[in-house]
Protein backbone atom coordinates (compact mmCIF):
# COMPACT_ATOMS: atom_id res chain seq x y z
CA MET A 1 31.96 -19.55 36.11
CA HIS A 2 31.15 -16.69 33.74
CA ALA A 3 34.77 -16.55 32.59
CA ILE A 4 34.77 -20.28 31.84
CA ARG A 5 31.53 -19.96 29.88
CA GLN A 6 32.98 -17.08 27.89
CA LYS A 7 36.11 -19.07 27.02
CA CYS A 8 33.96 -21.93 25.74
CA ARG A 9 31.93 -19.67 23.48
CA PRO A 10 32.80 -19.28 19.79
CA LYS A 11 34.51 -16.01 19.01
CA HIS A 12 31.62 -14.57 17.00
CA GLN A 13 29.28 -15.03 19.97
CA VAL A 14 31.72 -13.31 22.31
CA LEU A 15 32.06 -10.37 19.95
CA ILE A 16 28.29 -10.07 19.59
CA LEU A 17 27.64 -10.16 23.34
CA LYS A 18 30.24 -7.44 23.91
CA CYS A 19 28.16 -5.10 21.76
CA TYR A 20 25.34 -5.10 24.34
CA PRO A 21 25.76 -2.47 27.08
CA LYS A 22 24.73 -3.22 30.62
CA THR A 23 21.20 -1.92 31.12
CA THR A 24 18.26 -2.48 33.38
CA LYS A 25 15.26 -4.48 32.22
CA GLY A 26 12.81 -2.34 30.30
CA ALA A 27 15.40 0.23 29.19
CA VAL A 28 14.71 1.75 25.76
CA ASP A 29 16.71 3.75 23.21
CA VAL A 30 19.76 1.63 23.88
CA LYS A 31 22.76 1.88 21.54
CA PRO A 32 25.37 -0.83 20.92
CA ASN A 33 28.89 -0.29 22.19
CA SER A 34 30.53 1.49 19.26
CA SER A 35 34.06 0.09 19.46
CA GLU A 36 32.87 -3.48 19.96
CA LEU A 37 30.41 -3.09 17.08
CA SER A 38 33.16 -1.87 14.79
CA TYR A 39 35.30 -4.89 15.58
CA LEU A 40 32.35 -7.25 15.08
CA LEU A 41 31.66 -5.74 11.67
CA PHE A 42 35.32 -6.10 10.69
CA TYR A 43 35.38 -9.70 11.88
CA ALA A 44 32.13 -10.67 10.10
CA THR A 45 32.89 -8.96 6.81
CA THR A 46 36.44 -10.30 6.51
CA ARG A 47 35.32 -13.86 7.27
CA ARG A 48 32.25 -14.50 5.13
CA SER A 49 31.87 -17.98 6.55
CA LYS A 50 31.07 -16.41 9.93
CA VAL A 51 28.26 -14.17 8.69
CA GLN A 52 25.67 -16.94 8.75
CA LYS A 53 26.71 -17.92 12.26
CA VAL A 54 26.31 -14.30 13.34
CA GLY A 55 22.78 -14.25 11.92
CA GLU A 56 21.89 -17.56 13.55
CA PHE A 57 23.10 -16.45 16.97
CA LEU A 58 21.30 -13.10 16.71
CA GLU A 59 18.08 -14.97 15.92
CA LYS A 60 18.39 -17.12 19.05
CA LYS A 61 19.26 -14.12 21.19
CA THR A 62 16.31 -12.14 19.82
CA ALA A 63 13.91 -14.95 20.70
CA SER A 64 15.27 -14.97 24.24
CA ASP A 65 15.20 -11.18 24.62
CA VAL A 66 11.66 -10.85 23.25
CA TRP A 67 10.40 -13.55 25.60
CA ARG A 68 12.01 -11.74 28.54
CA ALA A 69 10.81 -8.32 27.29
CA ARG A 70 14.34 -6.94 27.06
CA ILE A 71 13.49 -4.14 24.68
CA GLY A 72 16.92 -2.54 24.92
CA ASN A 73 18.67 -5.72 23.80
CA VAL A 74 16.25 -6.09 20.89
CA GLN A 75 17.06 -2.54 19.81
CA VAL A 76 20.78 -3.30 19.92
CA THR A 77 20.25 -6.44 17.84
CA LEU A 78 18.38 -4.47 15.20
CA GLN A 79 21.12 -1.85 15.06
CA ILE A 80 23.76 -4.56 14.68
CA LEU A 81 21.84 -6.00 11.73
CA ALA A 82 21.44 -2.58 10.11
CA ALA A 83 25.14 -1.83 10.51
CA LEU A 84 26.08 -5.25 9.13
CA ILE A 85 23.87 -4.78 6.05
CA LYS A 86 25.30 -1.33 5.37
CA LYS A 87 28.86 -2.55 5.85
CA ALA A 88 28.63 -5.44 3.37
CA PRO A 89 25.35 -5.39 1.42
CA ARG A 90 26.62 -8.00 -1.06
CA ASP A 91 26.79 -10.55 1.77
CA LEU A 92 23.14 -10.04 2.74
CA PRO A 93 21.84 -13.11 0.83
CA LEU A 94 23.98 -15.29 3.11
CA TYR A 95 22.10 -14.32 6.27
CA ALA A 96 18.89 -12.70 4.95
CA PRO A 97 16.69 -15.64 6.10
CA TYR A 98 17.88 -15.06 9.67
CA VAL A 99 17.08 -11.36 9.37
CA LEU A 100 13.53 -12.19 8.29
CA LYS A 101 13.14 -14.65 11.15
CA ILE A 102 14.24 -11.94 13.57
CA PHE A 103 11.65 -9.55 12.12
CA ASN A 104 9.02 -12.26 12.46
CA ILE A 105 9.83 -12.81 16.13
CA ILE A 106 9.68 -9.08 16.88
CA LEU A 107 6.48 -8.38 14.96
CA ARG A 108 4.58 -11.28 16.48
CA ALA A 109 5.37 -9.93 19.95
CA GLN A 110 3.09 -6.97 19.05
CA ASP A 111 5.06 -4.57 21.21
CA VAL A 112 4.78 -1.11 19.68
CA THR A 113 8.22 -0.02 20.91
CA MET A 114 9.94 -3.07 19.44
CA VAL A 115 8.08 -2.70 16.15
CA GLU A 116 8.98 0.98 15.99
CA SER A 117 12.64 0.09 16.53
CA SER A 118 12.49 -2.43 13.68
CA ILE A 119 11.44 0.12 11.04
CA PRO A 120 14.92 1.64 10.34
CA THR A 121 16.44 -1.84 10.03
CA PHE A 122 13.64 -2.97 7.73
CA GLN A 123 14.23 0.09 5.55
CA VAL A 124 17.91 -0.79 5.22
CA PHE A 125 16.97 -4.39 4.45
CA CYS A 126 14.54 -3.39 1.68
CA GLU A 127 17.14 -1.11 0.12
CA ASN A 128 19.74 -3.86 -0.12
CA HIS A 129 18.11 -7.28 -0.28
CA ASP A 130 18.75 -9.31 -3.42
CA MET A 131 15.91 -9.50 -5.95
CA ALA A 132 17.27 -12.74 -7.40
CA SER A 133 16.83 -14.49 -4.06
CA LEU A 134 13.06 -13.94 -4.22
CA SER A 135 12.86 -15.85 -7.48
CA ALA A 136 15.35 -18.57 -6.62
CA ASP A 137 14.39 -19.44 -3.05
CA GLN A 138 10.69 -20.11 -2.45
CA GLU A 139 11.09 -20.44 1.31
CA TYR A 140 12.81 -17.07 1.44
CA LEU A 141 10.01 -15.59 -0.70
CA HIS A 142 7.35 -16.92 1.69
CA GLN A 143 9.25 -15.45 4.66
CA TYR A 144 9.43 -12.07 2.96
CA GLU A 145 5.73 -12.14 2.02
CA GLU A 146 4.79 -12.98 5.61
CA ILE A 147 6.79 -10.03 6.97
CA VAL A 148 5.20 -7.64 4.47
CA ARG A 149 1.75 -8.99 5.33
CA ILE A 150 2.27 -8.47 9.07
CA TYR A 151 3.58 -4.93 8.62
CA ALA A 152 0.67 -4.11 6.30
CA SER A 153 -1.85 -5.45 8.82
CA PHE A 154 -0.59 -2.88 11.34
CA ALA A 155 -1.67 -0.10 8.95
CA SER A 156 -5.16 -1.48 8.39
CA THR A 157 -8.08 0.61 9.59
CA ARG A 158 -10.34 -2.42 9.89
CA THR A 159 -8.26 -4.96 11.78
CA GLN A 160 -7.19 -4.30 15.32
CA THR A 161 -3.54 -5.07 16.02
CA SER A 162 -4.02 -6.11 19.63
CA SER A 163 -6.79 -8.09 21.28
CA ASN A 164 -7.06 -5.37 23.91
CA PRO A 165 -8.96 -2.16 23.07
CA GLN A 166 -6.63 0.59 21.85
CA SER A 167 -6.86 4.32 22.35
CA ALA A 168 -6.93 6.56 19.29
CA PRO A 169 -3.28 7.74 19.63
CA VAL A 170 -2.01 4.16 19.98
CA ALA A 171 -4.03 3.00 16.97
CA ILE A 172 -2.69 5.92 14.92
CA ARG A 173 0.82 5.04 16.01
CA TRP A 174 0.40 1.43 14.86
CA ARG A 175 -0.96 2.54 11.51
CA GLY A 176 1.91 4.93 11.03
CA LEU A 177 4.47 2.23 11.73
CA GLY A 178 2.78 -0.09 9.25
CA LEU A 179 2.75 2.61 6.57
CA GLN A 180 6.42 3.40 7.11
CA ALA A 181 7.23 -0.26 6.51
CA VAL A 182 4.96 -0.35 3.46
CA LYS A 183 6.76 2.70 2.10
CA SER A 184 10.04 0.80 2.35
CA VAL A 185 8.50 -2.08 0.39
CA ALA A 186 7.10 0.31 -2.22
CA SER A 187 10.51 1.95 -2.64
CA SER A 188 12.30 -1.37 -3.00
CA GLU A 189 13.47 -2.55 -6.41
CA ALA A 190 12.11 -5.98 -5.53
CA LEU A 191 8.56 -4.67 -5.97
CA SER A 192 9.11 -4.52 -9.74
CA THR A 193 9.91 -8.24 -9.92
CA VAL A 194 7.15 -10.76 -10.46
CA ALA A 195 8.18 -12.79 -7.41
CA GLY A 196 8.48 -9.81 -5.10
CA ARG A 197 5.25 -8.09 -6.07
CA GLN A 198 3.07 -7.48 -3.03
CA LEU A 199 0.52 -5.18 -4.66
CA ASP A 200 -2.53 -7.15 -3.52
CA VAL A 201 -1.35 -6.77 0.07
CA ILE A 202 -0.11 -3.20 0.32
CA VAL A 203 -2.31 -1.24 -2.13
CA PRO A 204 -5.66 -1.93 -0.37
CA ILE A 205 -4.07 -0.89 2.93
CA LEU A 206 -2.91 2.40 1.40
CA LEU A 207 -6.35 3.08 -0.07
CA GLU A 208 -7.97 2.36 3.30
CA ASN A 209 -5.91 5.15 4.85
CA ILE A 210 -6.81 7.57 2.05
CA TRP A 211 -10.51 6.66 2.08
CA THR A 212 -12.77 9.60 2.90
CA ASP A 213 -16.20 10.95 2.03
CA ASN A 214 -14.73 14.44 1.62
CA GLU A 215 -13.18 14.98 -1.82
CA ASP A 216 -11.45 18.17 -0.66
CA PHE A 217 -9.55 16.12 1.92
CA ILE A 218 -7.91 14.15 -0.91
CA ASP A 219 -6.67 17.39 -2.47
CA ILE A 220 -5.22 18.44 0.88
CA LEU A 221 -3.38 15.14 1.22
CA GLN A 222 -2.01 15.37 -2.30
CA GLN A 223 -0.89 18.95 -1.84
CA ARG A 224 0.89 18.21 1.43
CA ALA A 225 2.51 15.08 0.02
CA ALA A 226 3.75 17.01 -3.02
CA THR A 227 5.09 19.80 -0.83
CA GLU A 228 7.01 17.44 1.43
CA ASP A 229 8.42 15.57 -1.55
CA HIS A 230 9.46 18.85 -3.14
CA ILE A 231 11.40 20.18 -0.20
CA GLY A 232 12.88 16.73 0.42
CA THR A 233 12.22 16.61 4.12
CA ASP A 234 11.82 13.31 5.86
CA LYS A 235 9.71 14.35 8.79
CA SER A 236 8.42 12.07 11.44
CA LEU A 237 4.70 12.06 10.60
CA LEU A 238 3.68 10.22 13.73
CA LYS A 239 3.99 11.65 17.21
CA ARG A 240 2.18 11.05 20.43
CA ARG A 241 -0.93 13.03 21.16
CA ALA A 242 0.83 15.03 23.85
CA SER A 243 3.57 16.24 21.53
CA ASN A 244 1.00 17.07 18.85
CA ALA A 245 -1.04 19.14 21.30
CA THR A 246 1.94 21.08 22.66
CA ALA A 247 5.06 21.18 20.56
CA ARG A 248 3.25 21.56 17.23
CA THR A 249 0.86 24.28 18.36
CA ALA A 250 3.20 27.08 17.39
CA ASP A 251 4.31 25.91 13.94
CA THR A 252 1.29 24.17 12.45
CA ASP A 253 -0.48 27.24 11.07
CA GLY A 254 2.03 27.59 8.29
CA GLU A 255 2.00 24.02 7.01
CA ASN A 256 -1.57 22.91 7.54
CA GLY A 257 -4.59 25.13 7.67
CA THR A 258 -7.15 22.39 8.12
CA ALA A 259 -6.12 21.13 11.53
CA LEU A 260 -5.16 23.56 14.27
CA PRO A 261 -4.05 21.54 17.27
CA GLY A 262 -5.05 22.80 20.64
CA THR A 263 -7.51 20.19 21.77
CA THR A 264 -7.49 16.43 21.77
CA ALA A 265 -9.86 16.30 18.80
CA ASP A 266 -7.64 18.66 16.81
CA ALA A 267 -4.57 16.60 17.61
CA ASP A 268 -6.31 13.41 16.49
CA LYS A 269 -7.46 15.13 13.30
CA LEU A 270 -3.92 16.25 12.52
CA ALA A 271 -2.53 12.80 13.24
CA GLU A 272 -5.14 11.26 10.92
CA GLU A 273 -4.17 13.72 8.21
CA ASN A 274 -0.50 12.89 8.64
CA ILE A 275 -1.37 9.23 8.20
CA GLY A 276 -3.17 10.08 4.96
CA VAL A 277 -0.16 12.02 3.70
CA LEU A 278 2.14 9.09 4.36
CA ALA A 279 -0.26 6.69 2.60
CA THR A 280 -0.44 9.07 -0.37
CA GLN A 281 3.34 9.16 -0.61
CA CYS A 282 3.48 5.36 -0.55
CA LEU A 283 0.86 5.04 -3.29
CA LYS A 284 2.66 7.59 -5.44
CA GLN A 285 5.90 5.65 -5.06
CA ILE A 286 4.24 2.65 -6.73
CA PHE A 287 2.90 4.56 -9.74
CA VAL A 288 5.87 6.78 -10.62
CA VAL A 289 7.93 3.83 -11.86
CA ASN A 290 8.44 3.15 -15.56
CA ASN A 291 6.95 -0.34 -15.46
CA GLN A 292 3.72 -1.06 -17.36
CA THR A 293 3.22 -4.45 -15.72
CA GLN A 294 3.37 -2.93 -12.25
CA ILE A 295 1.06 -0.07 -13.24
CA HIS A 296 -1.47 -2.51 -14.70
CA GLY A 297 -1.36 -4.73 -11.61
CA THR A 298 -1.70 -1.79 -9.23
CA THR A 299 -4.59 -0.32 -11.22
CA THR A 300 -6.38 -3.68 -11.13
CA THR A 301 -5.96 -3.77 -7.35
CA VAL A 302 -7.36 -0.23 -7.07
CA LEU A 303 -10.39 -1.24 -9.16
CA ASN A 304 -10.95 -4.31 -6.98
CA PHE A 305 -10.84 -2.13 -3.87
CA ILE A 306 -13.41 0.25 -5.35
CA ALA A 307 -15.63 -2.67 -6.40
CA GLU A 308 -15.53 -3.98 -2.84
CA ARG A 309 -16.61 -0.58 -1.50
CA VAL A 310 -19.45 -0.46 -4.02
CA SER A 311 -20.63 -3.90 -2.91
CA GLN A 312 -20.64 -2.58 0.68
CA LYS A 313 -22.97 0.26 -0.40
CA GLU A 314 -20.30 2.89 0.12
CA SER A 315 -20.60 6.12 -1.86
CA VAL A 316 -17.65 6.39 -4.25
CA ILE A 317 -19.23 8.77 -6.80
CA GLU A 318 -21.42 11.81 -6.31
CA LYS A 319 -24.94 11.76 -7.67
CA GLY A 320 -25.75 14.63 -9.97
CA PRO A 321 -25.79 15.68 -13.62
CA ASN A 322 -24.29 13.29 -16.14
CA ASP A 323 -21.40 15.66 -16.82
CA ASN A 324 -20.44 15.49 -13.13
CA CYS A 325 -17.47 13.19 -12.49
CA LYS A 326 -16.97 13.95 -8.83
CA GLY A 327 -16.42 11.53 -6.00
CA TRP A 328 -13.66 9.59 -4.28
CA ALA A 329 -13.18 7.00 -7.03
CA PRO A 330 -12.85 9.40 -10.00
CA ARG A 331 -10.59 11.70 -7.98
CA ILE A 332 -8.23 8.89 -7.00
CA PHE A 333 -8.21 7.66 -10.59
CA GLU A 334 -7.17 11.07 -11.89
CA ILE A 335 -4.46 11.40 -9.26
CA ILE A 336 -2.82 8.06 -10.01
CA ALA A 337 -2.99 8.83 -13.74
CA ARG A 338 -1.09 12.08 -13.20
CA TRP A 339 1.53 10.26 -11.13
CA THR A 340 2.09 7.67 -13.86
CA PRO A 341 4.77 8.39 -16.50
CA VAL A 342 3.08 10.04 -19.48
CA GLN A 343 3.88 7.21 -21.90
CA ASP A 344 2.16 4.66 -19.63
CA ARG A 345 -0.97 6.55 -18.61
CA TYR A 346 -3.11 4.89 -21.24
CA VAL A 347 -2.59 1.59 -19.37
CA ILE A 348 -4.78 2.89 -16.55
CA LEU A 349 -7.67 3.75 -18.89
CA VAL A 350 -7.36 0.48 -20.81
CA THR A 351 -7.41 -1.49 -17.54
CA ALA A 352 -10.58 0.28 -16.41
CA MET A 353 -12.22 -0.28 -19.81
CA ASP A 354 -11.33 -3.96 -19.67
CA SER A 355 -12.98 -4.27 -16.25
CA LEU A 356 -16.04 -2.44 -17.54
CA VAL A 357 -16.66 -4.57 -20.64
CA ARG A 358 -15.95 -7.81 -18.78
CA ALA A 359 -18.29 -7.09 -15.87
CA ASP A 360 -21.03 -9.66 -15.29
CA GLN A 361 -24.09 -8.41 -17.14
CA VAL A 362 -26.68 -8.62 -14.39
CA GLU A 363 -28.77 -5.98 -12.69
CA ALA A 364 -26.79 -6.26 -9.47
CA THR A 365 -23.57 -5.07 -11.15
CA LEU A 366 -25.01 -1.98 -12.85
CA MET A 367 -23.86 0.31 -10.03
CA GLN A 368 -20.33 -1.06 -10.28
CA GLN A 369 -20.42 -0.51 -14.04
CA LEU A 370 -21.66 3.04 -13.48
CA VAL A 371 -18.71 3.72 -11.18
CA LEU A 372 -16.26 2.33 -13.76
CA ALA A 373 -17.86 4.36 -16.54
CA THR A 374 -17.66 7.50 -14.40
CA MET A 375 -13.96 6.88 -13.74
CA VAL A 376 -13.31 6.35 -17.45
CA ASP A 377 -15.25 9.51 -18.29
CA SER A 378 -13.31 11.53 -15.73
CA LEU A 379 -10.05 10.58 -17.44
CA LEU A 380 -11.36 11.21 -20.94
CA LYS A 381 -12.69 14.69 -20.15
CA SER A 382 -9.63 15.73 -18.12
CA ASP A 383 -6.52 17.43 -19.50
CA ILE A 384 -4.42 14.30 -18.86
CA ASN A 385 -2.41 13.33 -21.93
CA LEU A 386 -3.13 9.72 -22.91
CA ILE A 387 -0.36 9.12 -25.43
CA GLY A 388 -0.56 5.66 -27.00
CA LEU A 389 -4.29 5.18 -26.39
CA SER A 390 -6.05 3.18 -29.12
CA VAL A 391 -9.12 5.35 -29.62
CA MET A 392 -10.75 2.86 -31.99
CA ASP A 393 -10.51 0.00 -29.47
CA VAL A 394 -12.03 2.14 -26.74
CA LEU A 395 -14.77 3.32 -29.12
CA LEU A 396 -15.72 -0.22 -30.10
CA GLY A 397 -15.70 -1.30 -26.46
CA LEU A 398 -18.03 1.54 -25.45
CA ILE A 399 -20.47 0.94 -28.32
CA GLN A 400 -20.56 -2.77 -27.68
CA HIS A 401 -21.16 -2.22 -23.97
CA ILE A 402 -24.01 0.19 -24.71
CA LEU A 403 -25.66 -2.52 -26.81
CA ILE A 404 -25.30 -5.05 -24.01
CA VAL A 405 -26.75 -2.64 -21.44
CA LEU A 406 -29.70 -2.02 -23.75
CA GLN A 407 -30.14 -5.77 -24.06
CA LEU A 408 -30.34 -6.03 -20.28
CA GLY A 409 -33.11 -3.46 -20.46
CA ASN A 410 -35.29 -5.96 -22.34
CA VAL A 411 -37.47 -3.18 -23.76
CA GLY A 412 -39.25 -5.55 -26.11
CA GLY A 413 -36.80 -5.73 -29.00
CA PRO A 414 -34.68 -8.72 -30.00
CA HIS A 415 -31.77 -9.61 -27.78
CA LEU A 416 -28.55 -8.12 -29.15
CA GLN A 417 -25.43 -10.24 -29.12
CA PRO A 418 -21.89 -8.94 -28.72
CA ASP A 419 -19.80 -9.00 -31.90
CA ASN A 420 -16.83 -10.66 -30.27
CA GLY A 421 -17.67 -13.34 -27.74
CA ALA A 422 -14.03 -13.69 -26.73
CA ASP A 423 -13.90 -10.12 -25.47
CA GLU A 424 -17.19 -10.11 -23.55
CA LYS A 425 -17.79 -12.61 -20.77
CA VAL A 426 -21.59 -12.74 -20.81
CA ASP A 427 -23.09 -15.37 -18.58
CA ALA A 428 -26.18 -16.55 -20.46
CA SER A 429 -27.82 -18.15 -17.43
CA ALA A 430 -27.30 -15.04 -15.31
CA LEU A 431 -28.65 -12.90 -18.13
CA HIS A 432 -31.74 -15.10 -18.51
CA ALA A 433 -32.34 -15.04 -14.77
CA SER A 434 -32.11 -11.25 -14.78
CA ILE A 435 -34.64 -10.94 -17.59
CA THR A 436 -37.17 -13.38 -16.21
CA SER A 437 -37.02 -12.28 -12.58
CA GLU A 438 -36.87 -8.53 -13.22
CA PRO A 439 -39.34 -7.36 -15.87
CA ALA A 440 -37.58 -4.29 -17.26
CA LEU A 441 -40.48 -2.66 -19.09
CA VAL A 442 -39.40 0.52 -17.34
CA PRO A 443 -35.59 0.88 -17.16
CA THR A 444 -34.20 1.51 -13.70
CA GLY A 445 -32.60 4.79 -12.84
CA THR A 446 -29.18 3.17 -12.54
CA ARG A 447 -29.47 1.75 -16.07
CA LYS A 448 -30.45 5.15 -17.44
CA ASP A 449 -27.51 6.80 -15.65
CA LEU A 450 -25.14 4.15 -16.99
CA LEU A 451 -26.32 4.65 -20.58
CA ALA A 452 -26.01 8.42 -20.24
CA ARG A 453 -22.52 8.06 -18.78
CA LEU A 454 -21.43 5.76 -21.61
CA GLN A 455 -22.73 8.30 -24.12
CA ASN A 456 -20.66 10.98 -22.38
CA CYS A 457 -17.62 8.73 -22.67
CA LEU A 458 -18.19 8.52 -26.43
CA GLY A 459 -18.31 12.29 -26.69
CA ASP A 460 -15.28 12.89 -24.48
CA LEU A 461 -13.31 10.24 -26.37
CA ALA A 462 -13.41 12.52 -29.43
CA THR A 463 -10.97 14.90 -27.73
CA HIS A 464 -8.28 12.20 -27.86
CA VAL A 465 -8.46 11.48 -31.60
C-alpha cells in the first residue's frame, strides 16, 4: 500500500519525504539525509516552476508535524528551507510566503525547542529576502510584520510567552531567542526600506532588555558588546542554567568581572547580563547605518519609550546639581549618538529638541520636558562632534521654550506668546486649565529645575559654535 501511495505522489513530494530520516517521536537535533537533500536542491533549482510546490508541501507537512509534536521533522523542514534559500536566493520571492507561513505555524506552537531551531533559518531568510516584495505585495508585508512581532514578543520582559508560569532560566532562554531573531531583522537590508521598517516593534523590546537603575551596568554592557564585536566572535549568549553554573565557572573571570557563576543567583545574573549584551548589539546595528530617516525614526521611538517610563514614575535621570547629566536616559542618548555616523549625529539632537519644544505645555508634562532637556544638555556638554548642527535654530528653540515655561509659571506678568505658532503646539485650553487650577505664585521645584537645565543648554550650546 505504501509503495502504491508513493507512486501516486508527485516527484517533488517524494524527494522531500526522502530527506526525512527515520526517527522516534520526540527526537531532537535531527539532520536531513544529505544525499537526498542535495538531489532535492538540484531538482528544485533547475525547475523553478517546482519551487512553489515545494514550499506549499513543506507548509502542509509542517502543520502536520507541529500538531503531532514531531520536533525532529520540523527541524529537518527548517534545514531544507535554509539550504534551499542558500542554494538559489534569487528564487526566494517565489516561495517566500510559504516560508513565512511555516514560521507562523512554528512560532504559534510556543515550543521553545522548535522556536530555537527556527532561528538559523530565519537569519538566512532575513539575509536574502527581497526588499521589493515588501513594497509590492501588501499581504506578504503583513505576514512579515506578524512574524517580526511574534519574535519580538518573545524578548519582552513584560509579557509572558506561555500561559503557564516559567522559571527564570526558561524565561531568559525565550528572551534570548527573541533577541537573536530581532538581531537578524536589524541586520537585514529591508529595515532601511519604508515598507520593511519595524522600528516601533523592535526598538522598545531592545530598550526593555537594557533597562536598569544602575548606570554602571550600561557601561559594562557596552564594553562587552564592543569587545565581542571587535574580536568577531559569534558566541552563543544563551545557555541553560546548569551549563552556566558548571562549564563557565573556569573561564568567566577573564571576560566578565561582575558576575562570577558558582551559585544559581550568579548564573541568573550572568545570563541576564548576556541578554543585555545581545540587546545592545542589536540596538547598535540599527544606529550604525548611514540612513538619516532610519536614525530619526529610531530616535523618536527611543524618546517615546523614555516618555512612557516617565509617565510610569520610573527614574530615568538622577536628581542632583544642574550640571549633573547622569541617569539611564542621558547615558543611552550619548551611547546611540556615538554609534551614529558622525555626519548624522546632529539628527539625534534635533529630534530631541523637536520633541521638547512640541511638548504639551501643562504642569503634568514638566518632568518629561526636564528629562528631554537633560538629554539635550548631556549631548551638548559631551565631546561628541555634532557636525551639521544648526546652532541658531537650537538657540531660538531653547529661548522660545524658556519663555513658554515662564509663561506657565504665571508669576503675575503678561502671558508671553511664542513667536512662531507653527513651530509650537500650545494647547490654549490646556494652558488656561493649568493656570486656573494651579495657582503658580510659587514655582514648583520641577519648573525651577527645568529652567535651570534650559539655561545650562544655552551655555553648553556655545561650545558648538
